[in-house]
């Protein structure tokens, strides 16, 4: 099984647009830590983190 850092765009989960219910385009962003979805019809956008959220920095 691929780790989130090894994931390709074809391995990423599909998402339907919240408004149009059409399949959204997807791409990896932020050093391959996030999936950015864009609706080709209404240009609605959504970003999801891959893997766990990092621990907060201690001061």
Protein backbone atom coordinates (compact mmCIF):
# COMPACT_ATOMS: atom_id res chain seq x y z
CA UNK A 1 0.00 0.00 0.00
CA UNK A 2 1.31 3.46 -0.85
CA UNK A 3 2.04 5.99 1.85
CA UNK A 4 0.47 9.46 1.48
CA UNK A 5 3.79 10.88 0.27
CA UNK A 6 3.97 8.23 -2.48
CA UNK A 7 0.39 8.76 -3.63
CA UNK A 8 -0.25 9.73 -7.22
CA UNK A 9 -3.26 11.71 -8.42
CA UNK A 10 -4.95 8.47 -9.58
CA UNK A 11 -4.65 7.01 -6.05
CA UNK A 12 -6.36 10.01 -4.42
CA UNK A 13 -10.02 9.83 -3.41
CA UNK A 14 -12.52 11.29 -5.84
CA UNK A 15 -14.84 14.06 -4.69
CA UNK A 16 -18.08 15.41 -6.09
CA UNK A 17 -18.67 19.16 -6.13
CA UNK A 18 -20.78 20.29 -3.18
CA UNK A 19 -22.93 22.45 -5.47
CA UNK A 20 -22.95 20.83 -8.94
CA UNK A 21 -22.44 17.17 -7.95
CA UNK A 22 -19.95 16.68 -10.81
CA UNK A 23 -16.53 14.99 -10.31
CA UNK A 24 -13.89 17.53 -9.30
CA UNK A 25 -10.36 17.81 -10.73
CA UNK A 26 -7.64 17.01 -8.18
CA UNK A 27 -3.94 17.78 -7.74
CA UNK A 28 -1.30 17.47 -5.04
CA UNK A 29 -0.09 20.75 -3.50
CA UNK A 30 1.95 21.93 -0.51
CA UNK A 31 4.84 19.54 -0.93
CA UNK A 32 2.38 16.68 -1.66
CA UNK A 33 0.78 17.13 1.79
CA UNK A 34 -2.61 18.35 0.51
CA UNK A 35 -5.10 17.44 -2.22
CA UNK A 36 -6.62 20.46 -3.96
CA UNK A 37 -9.98 19.85 -5.65
CA UNK A 38 -11.49 22.22 -8.22
CA UNK A 39 -14.91 21.92 -9.87
CA UNK A 40 -14.63 22.26 -13.68
CA UNK A 41 -18.18 23.62 -13.85
CA UNK A 42 -18.56 26.24 -11.08
CA UNK A 43 -14.91 26.55 -9.91
CA UNK A 44 -15.79 25.58 -6.29
CA UNK A 45 -12.52 24.69 -4.49
CA UNK A 46 -11.69 22.43 -1.54
CA UNK A 47 -8.37 21.34 0.00
CA UNK A 48 -7.85 18.22 2.14
CA UNK A 49 -4.75 17.23 4.14
CA UNK A 50 -3.19 13.84 3.41
CA UNK A 51 -2.21 11.90 6.50
CA UNK A 52 -2.33 13.08 10.12
CA UNK A 53 -2.17 16.71 11.21
CA UNK A 54 1.30 17.58 12.56
CA UNK A 55 1.74 18.15 16.30
CA UNK A 56 1.62 21.81 17.41
CA UNK A 57 4.95 23.52 18.00
CA UNK A 58 5.99 23.77 21.66
CA UNK A 59 7.22 27.14 22.82
